[in-house]
């Protein structure tokens, strides 16, 4: 059983930056592809970014390309989401997720993921 704990959310003005962290425990971190998703009030959870087991491959939603960067440190069991040039429409609860992966596959679908964190709130004011 893998536990995921997100941190780093908060209130920021438009144009500002935040870095989210997600620490994993209870499993072998390097065997999991990782992803970040977000859910705004009244909307479905949506894909933000994903990274392969070794960090060699990444994928992003079109809405965040060039502004958000996913990375991981397998020695620290941690995945990050660096966010710059934030917009009010980025306001949401951000979730990290883990998917047991064979090879270096990355996943953009919520139902591909086996474990989820509790989420961290990001609010961007205009």
Foldseek 3Di string as FASTA:
>chain_A
DKAKAKDWADEEAQQAKIKMKIAIDDDQLLQWKKFKWWDDPPGDIFGAKIAWSVRPDMDGDPVCPPFWDWGDDSVRRMIMIIGGSDDQVVWTWMKMFIARDDDGDIDGDPVRTDDIYPTDTHGYHD
